[in-house]
Structures are given as C-alpha cells and as structure tokens.
Protein backbone atom coordinates (compact mmCIF):
# COMPACT_ATOMS: atom_id res chain seq x y z
CA MET A 1 0.10 0.14 0.04
CA ARG A 2 2.66 2.60 0.95
CA ARG A 3 4.12 1.97 -2.29
CA TYR A 4 1.34 2.34 -4.42
CA HIS A 5 0.75 5.48 -2.67
CA LEU A 6 4.46 6.77 -3.18
CA ILE A 7 4.06 5.62 -7.02
CA SER A 8 1.32 7.30 -7.67
CA CYS A 9 2.32 10.66 -5.74
CA ILE A 10 5.53 10.35 -8.26
CA LYS A 11 3.43 10.46 -10.99
CA TYR A 12 0.74 13.20 -9.91
CA ASP A 13 4.19 15.67 -9.09
CA MET A 14 5.75 14.85 -12.45
CA VAL A 15 2.53 15.66 -14.34
CA ARG A 16 2.41 18.69 -12.02
CA VAL A 17 6.23 19.68 -13.10
CA LEU A 18 6.35 18.56 -16.62
CA THR A 19 3.20 20.64 -17.11
CA SER A 20 4.18 23.37 -15.35
CA ILE A 21 4.89 27.09 -16.79
CA GLN A 22 8.15 26.77 -14.20
CA PHE A 23 9.66 23.90 -16.03
CA TYR A 24 9.79 25.38 -19.50
CA THR A 25 10.74 28.95 -18.45
CA GLY A 26 13.65 27.29 -16.15
CA VAL A 27 14.62 25.12 -19.30
CA ILE A 28 14.44 28.39 -22.08
CA GLY A 29 16.43 30.59 -19.36
CA PHE A 30 18.78 27.70 -19.21
CA VAL A 31 19.74 28.01 -22.74
CA CYS A 32 19.27 31.46 -23.48
CA ILE A 33 22.51 32.02 -20.82
CA HIS A 34 24.52 29.82 -22.30
CA LEU A 35 23.84 31.22 -26.04
CA PHE A 36 24.25 34.63 -24.28
CA ASN A 37 27.45 33.77 -23.07
CA ILE A 38 28.94 32.60 -26.47
CA ILE A 39 27.65 35.59 -28.20
CA PRO A 40 30.58 37.41 -28.31
CA GLU A 41 32.88 34.36 -29.51
CA LEU A 42 30.10 33.53 -32.62
CA SER A 43 31.15 36.55 -33.81
CA ILE A 44 35.06 36.47 -33.82
CA THR A 45 35.43 32.82 -34.53
CA ASN A 46 33.91 31.72 -37.54
CA SER A 47 35.48 27.66 -37.98
CA SER A 48 35.49 26.52 -34.46
CA PRO A 49 33.05 23.71 -33.85
CA VAL A 50 30.50 23.19 -31.31
CA LEU A 51 33.09 20.66 -29.24
CA TYR A 52 35.28 24.15 -28.99
CA TYR A 53 32.06 26.16 -27.34
CA PHE A 54 30.63 23.66 -25.20
CA SER A 55 34.20 22.56 -23.59
CA ASN A 56 34.49 25.99 -22.59
CA ARG A 57 31.19 26.65 -21.08
CA THR A 58 32.72 26.28 -17.54
CA GLY A 59 33.81 29.91 -18.06
CA ILE A 60 29.92 30.78 -17.71
CA GLY A 61 30.92 33.75 -14.90
CA ALA A 62 28.64 35.94 -13.65
CA PHE A 63 25.59 33.95 -15.04
CA GLU A 64 26.12 31.13 -13.24
CA MET A 65 23.90 32.65 -10.30
CA ILE A 66 21.16 33.04 -13.15
CA LEU A 67 21.69 28.97 -14.05
CA LEU A 68 21.36 28.40 -10.36
CA PHE A 69 17.93 30.33 -10.16
CA CYS A 70 16.70 28.61 -13.30
CA MET A 71 17.15 25.17 -11.89
CA ALA A 72 16.06 25.75 -8.70
CA LEU A 73 12.89 27.21 -10.30
CA ILE A 74 11.91 23.95 -12.02
CA TYR A 75 10.44 22.44 -8.56
CA SER A 76 12.33 23.94 -5.36
CA THR A 77 9.01 25.82 -4.50
CA SER A 78 6.32 23.10 -4.55
CA PHE A 79 6.47 22.87 -0.71
CA CYS A 80 6.13 26.69 -0.65
CA THR A 81 3.14 26.21 -3.01
CA ASP A 82 1.35 23.69 -0.99
CA TRP A 83 2.02 25.14 2.27
CA ASN A 84 1.02 28.67 1.40
CA GLN A 85 -2.34 27.11 -0.82
CA GLY A 86 -2.69 24.54 1.88
CA TYR A 87 -2.84 22.12 -0.59
CA TYR A 88 -0.31 19.63 1.61
CA LYS A 89 -3.26 18.86 3.70
CA TYR A 90 -5.46 17.06 1.23
CA SER A 91 -1.99 15.50 -0.60
CA ILE A 92 -1.45 14.11 3.15
CA ILE A 93 -4.95 12.66 3.80
CA ARG A 94 -5.24 11.09 -0.07
CA GLN A 95 -1.95 9.88 0.30
CA THR A 96 0.73 9.43 3.67
CA LYS A 97 3.17 12.21 5.03
CA SER A 98 5.75 9.88 4.01
CA SER A 99 4.92 9.53 0.28
CA TYR A 100 4.44 12.59 -0.29
CA ILE A 101 7.90 13.90 1.22
CA CYS A 102 9.55 11.40 -0.57
CA SER A 103 7.70 12.17 -3.60
CA LYS A 104 8.65 15.76 -3.42
CA VAL A 105 12.62 15.05 -3.18
CA ILE A 106 12.61 12.30 -6.09
CA VAL A 107 10.63 14.48 -8.55
CA THR A 108 12.28 17.43 -7.82
CA VAL A 109 15.95 15.34 -8.71
CA LEU A 110 14.31 13.76 -11.72
CA SER A 111 12.97 17.24 -13.00
CA THR A 112 15.84 19.24 -12.02
CA PHE A 113 17.94 16.39 -13.52
CA ILE A 114 15.46 16.27 -16.69
CA ALA A 115 15.55 19.74 -17.54
CA CYS A 116 19.32 20.53 -17.03
CA MET A 117 19.74 17.40 -19.96
CA ILE A 118 17.10 19.07 -22.15
CA GLY A 119 18.96 22.30 -21.58
CA TYR A 120 22.33 21.48 -22.59
CA ILE A 121 20.57 19.28 -25.97
CA VAL A 122 18.17 22.47 -26.75
CA TYR A 123 21.76 24.11 -26.48
CA LEU A 124 23.71 21.62 -28.69
CA VAL A 125 21.21 21.47 -31.87
CA ILE A 126 20.94 25.26 -32.00
CA LEU A 127 24.42 25.81 -32.36
CA SER A 128 24.86 22.58 -34.69
CA PHE A 129 23.09 24.57 -37.00
CA PHE A 130 25.71 27.08 -37.46
CA ARG A 131 28.79 25.19 -36.18
CA PRO A 132 29.65 21.55 -37.17
CA LEU A 133 29.61 19.22 -34.09
CA PHE A 134 32.98 18.24 -34.27
CA PRO A 135 36.35 19.40 -35.78
CA GLY A 136 37.31 18.50 -39.50
CA ASN A 137 40.42 17.31 -39.51
CA ALA A 138 42.87 14.92 -37.35
CA GLU A 139 45.14 17.86 -35.98
CA GLU A 140 41.61 19.58 -34.48
CA TRP A 141 40.80 16.35 -33.04
CA GLN A 142 44.08 15.67 -30.99
CA TYR A 143 43.95 19.28 -29.93
CA TYR A 144 40.41 18.76 -28.37
CA ILE A 145 41.23 15.05 -27.30
CA GLU A 146 44.47 16.91 -25.25
CA GLY A 147 42.49 19.91 -24.05
CA SER A 148 39.00 17.79 -22.76
CA GLY A 149 41.09 16.84 -19.81
CA ALA A 150 41.72 13.53 -18.18
CA ALA A 151 37.97 12.36 -17.42
CA PHE A 152 36.09 12.47 -21.12
CA ALA A 153 38.87 12.44 -23.79
CA GLU A 154 38.77 8.29 -23.89
CA ILE A 155 34.87 9.05 -25.03
CA LEU A 156 35.89 11.68 -28.08
CA ALA A 157 38.21 8.87 -28.97
CA SER A 158 35.97 6.36 -29.37
CA ARG A 159 34.01 5.18 -32.43
CA MET A 160 30.72 7.46 -30.89
CA PRO A 161 32.39 10.76 -29.77
CA ILE A 162 28.96 12.01 -30.00
CA LEU A 163 28.53 10.40 -26.12
CA TYR A 164 30.99 12.91 -25.01
CA TYR A 165 28.49 15.75 -24.92
CA ILE A 166 25.73 13.67 -22.50
CA VAL A 167 28.51 11.92 -20.12
CA ASP A 168 30.06 15.26 -19.68
CA ILE A 169 26.71 16.76 -18.74
CA LEU A 170 26.19 14.33 -15.83
CA PRO A 171 28.49 15.86 -13.23
CA GLU A 172 26.74 19.33 -13.36
CA ALA A 173 23.28 17.68 -14.21
CA PHE A 174 23.75 15.62 -10.60
CA MET A 175 25.26 19.13 -8.96
CA TYR A 176 22.02 21.06 -10.30
CA ALA A 177 19.77 18.25 -8.85
CA PHE A 178 21.34 18.21 -4.87
CA LEU A 179 21.29 22.16 -5.25
CA SER A 180 17.68 21.92 -5.77
CA VAL A 181 16.95 20.03 -3.07
CA PHE A 182 19.04 21.88 -0.91
CA ALA A 183 16.35 25.04 -2.09
CA LEU A 184 13.41 22.13 -0.86
CA TYR A 185 14.79 21.90 2.24
CA ILE A 186 15.35 25.73 2.72
CA SER A 187 11.07 25.55 1.90
CA THR A 188 10.47 24.14 4.72
CA LYS A 189 12.66 27.22 6.86
CA SER A 190 10.68 29.97 4.80
CA THR A 191 7.83 29.89 2.40
CA ASN A 192 8.96 33.13 1.07
CA ILE A 193 9.37 31.70 -2.60
CA PHE A 194 12.02 34.29 -3.20
CA ILE A 195 14.03 33.20 -0.55
CA VAL A 196 14.03 29.72 -1.64
CA LEU A 197 15.27 30.47 -5.02
CA SER A 198 18.12 32.63 -4.23
CA SER A 199 19.00 29.82 -1.28
CA PRO A 200 21.00 27.74 -3.90
CA ILE A 201 23.27 30.70 -5.00
CA ILE A 202 23.60 32.06 -1.74
CA PHE A 203 24.57 28.50 -0.83
CA TYR A 204 26.77 28.23 -3.58
CA TYR A 205 28.99 31.12 -3.25
CA VAL A 206 29.25 31.00 0.41
CA TYR A 207 30.65 27.53 0.34
CA ASN A 208 32.75 28.47 -2.73
CA TYR A 209 34.31 31.32 -0.38
CA LEU A 210 34.86 29.07 2.72
CA SER A 211 36.11 26.26 0.84
CA GLY A 212 38.90 28.52 -0.64
CA THR A 213 39.57 30.35 2.40
CA PHE A 214 39.69 27.60 4.46
CA LYS A 215 41.30 25.25 1.75
CA PHE A 216 38.49 22.42 2.11
CA PRO A 217 39.91 19.11 0.93
CA TYR A 218 39.27 18.27 -2.46
CA ILE A 219 36.45 15.25 -1.79
CA MET A 220 34.84 18.42 -0.29
CA LEU A 221 34.82 20.37 -3.32
CA TRP A 222 31.26 19.51 -4.97
CA GLN A 223 30.90 22.69 -6.81
CA PHE A 224 34.29 22.25 -9.11
CA MET A 225 33.33 18.43 -9.78
CA ASP A 226 32.41 19.05 -13.44
CA GLN A 227 35.25 16.78 -14.26
CA GLY A 228 33.62 14.23 -11.53
CA VAL A 229 34.99 12.82 -8.49
CA LEU A 230 37.28 9.93 -10.04
CA PHE A 231 38.52 11.85 -13.12
CA TRP A 232 41.50 10.00 -13.28
CA GLU A 233 39.42 6.48 -13.82
CA SER A 234 37.89 5.34 -16.36
CA TRP A 235 34.79 7.43 -17.80
CA TYR A 236 31.96 5.35 -16.44
CA LEU A 237 33.69 4.71 -12.92
CA ASN A 238 34.13 8.27 -12.64
CA ILE A 239 30.25 8.69 -13.43
CA ILE A 240 29.16 6.35 -11.38
CA ALA A 241 31.47 7.22 -8.23
CA THR A 242 30.04 10.89 -9.01
CA PHE A 243 26.65 10.14 -8.63
CA LEU A 244 26.87 8.14 -5.53
CA TYR A 245 29.04 11.18 -4.44
CA TYR A 246 26.05 13.25 -5.48
CA LEU A 247 23.73 11.12 -3.77
CA ILE A 248 24.70 11.57 -0.14
CA GLY A 249 24.35 15.15 -0.29
CA ILE A 250 20.87 14.47 -1.97
CA LEU A 251 19.82 12.16 0.61
CA LEU A 252 21.09 14.54 3.60
CA MET A 253 19.41 17.25 2.58
CA GLY A 254 16.15 14.65 1.55
CA TYR A 255 16.43 13.99 5.18
CA LEU A 256 16.66 17.34 6.60
CA PHE A 257 13.86 18.23 4.44
CA SER A 258 11.66 15.33 5.62
CA LYS A 259 12.56 16.48 9.37
CA GLY A 260 11.67 20.20 7.86
CA VAL A 261 8.09 19.55 6.85
CA LYS A 262 6.99 17.24 9.94
CA ARG A 263 7.80 20.15 12.35
CA ARG A 264 5.73 22.35 10.21
CA ILE A 265 3.13 19.79 10.41
CA GLU A 266 3.38 19.51 13.88
CA ASP A 267 4.12 23.20 14.80
CA ARG A 268 0.14 23.80 12.81
CA LYS A 269 -1.37 21.44 14.55
C-alpha cells in the first residue's frame, strides 16, 4: 500500500512539474544564458566546432547565478506552493506523509536532472545549425582530445564521440539536482518563494568562498566536480562514483527536508 501511495504521488508530481510554466521557463532560461555567454565568441570565430564552445562553457562567470536560479525554479518551490495554498493537507490525507515527502524529493531531483539535460541538448542542437559538432581534421581532433581533460578524453577518441556531450553534462546535472533539493529543504524554513529560489545561489557562493578561505580537502569541493570525482579513472567508473557522491548530499538534504516538513506540520496542529 505504501509503495502504491509513493508511485501515485510521484506520477502526480511529475505530471505537475512537466505541465508547469516554471519547468519550461527554467529550461528556456538555461538555454538562453548559455547562448548569450558565447555570442561574443560566435562573432569572432567562424570555424570553431560546437565542441569548442561546449568545452569552454565552464567559463560561464556571472551567469552562473541565473543558471542556479533557473534550475531551482523547476520544482524547488513545490512545497512552498502547497503550504501557502494549504494543499499539503489534502495531499497527506489522500496519500501518506512519507509518500508526500519522498515524492517531493524524488521529483525535484528527476525534474532538475531532466531540465538540465534538455537544456543542454537544445543548446547543442541550436549551435549545430551554425557550426559543425566536431572538428574536421585529425590535428584539431588531437587538440580537443588532449584539452578535454583526463576524465572524458577516451570518449572523444572512441567510435561514438557524440557520447562525450551527454557524459560531460552528467556531473553538472547531478550538482544542480543536489542544489535543488537544498532549496527544497530551505522551503521548510521559509515559504517565501524568493528566499527559496535564491538559497542555492547564496549557498553555492558562500560555500565557494569558505572552501577557498579554509582550504577544504578535494573531496568536499562538490562545486568543482565538473570532471567528476574520479576523473583519473575510466569515464563510466567516474560517472558512477560522481552519481553516488552527489546522492549522499541529496539523501542528506532529503532527510533534512523530511524533518522540516514534519516539524512544520506538527507546529501547525
């Protein structure tokens, strides 16, 4: 029965997020920010492949704040909305408290991950109309293989280099999913939507500052794991390890979210 309640709740939340204006606004914003970031280079370089712009996307700079906002917009405010409108009462009565909480965490992770992947795919498709996906000669290929870093160079040298684009996105998608669940947790502290949406931005930059100031060990630098946790290993081991790495953070934030929701409900009684 509990499994039925959870699956039913997840289905409802997935339909809710995929039919919401926030989901498509977040994806469109994500795509636009990446396009705006490369417009100056597009006007300067005429022959660079899509791989060049994709590999240099980490230099997103000040636009990173808007990307974090766009990803948090996807579903991190769902509990805020439910609480402010009183809808959570009907959800918990119809399902169970545990199903409601687990569904919120699972769907926030899935929808953020999906939005990030769709955003990058749309971005790559748009660029492919103006530039080739890959370089045209062996010398350029070698340049990009050597410059792509140890993590995913083997994919570029394989028979299916197109996988490089998908695999290279995954660590970033995991990070956005983690930050979205963090914002979901913050919604148990404040149901002000602006505070919830800005919380991953504040957390990201404050943590970035603290990690640099106090010289945190490498394993704690989740904000810099764009090449994965085990970037010196084969790409599939690297991706598995990176997924598990962020999963620990997601589970921690999910646990805090659960405690926060239960505390709020008890205080309301």
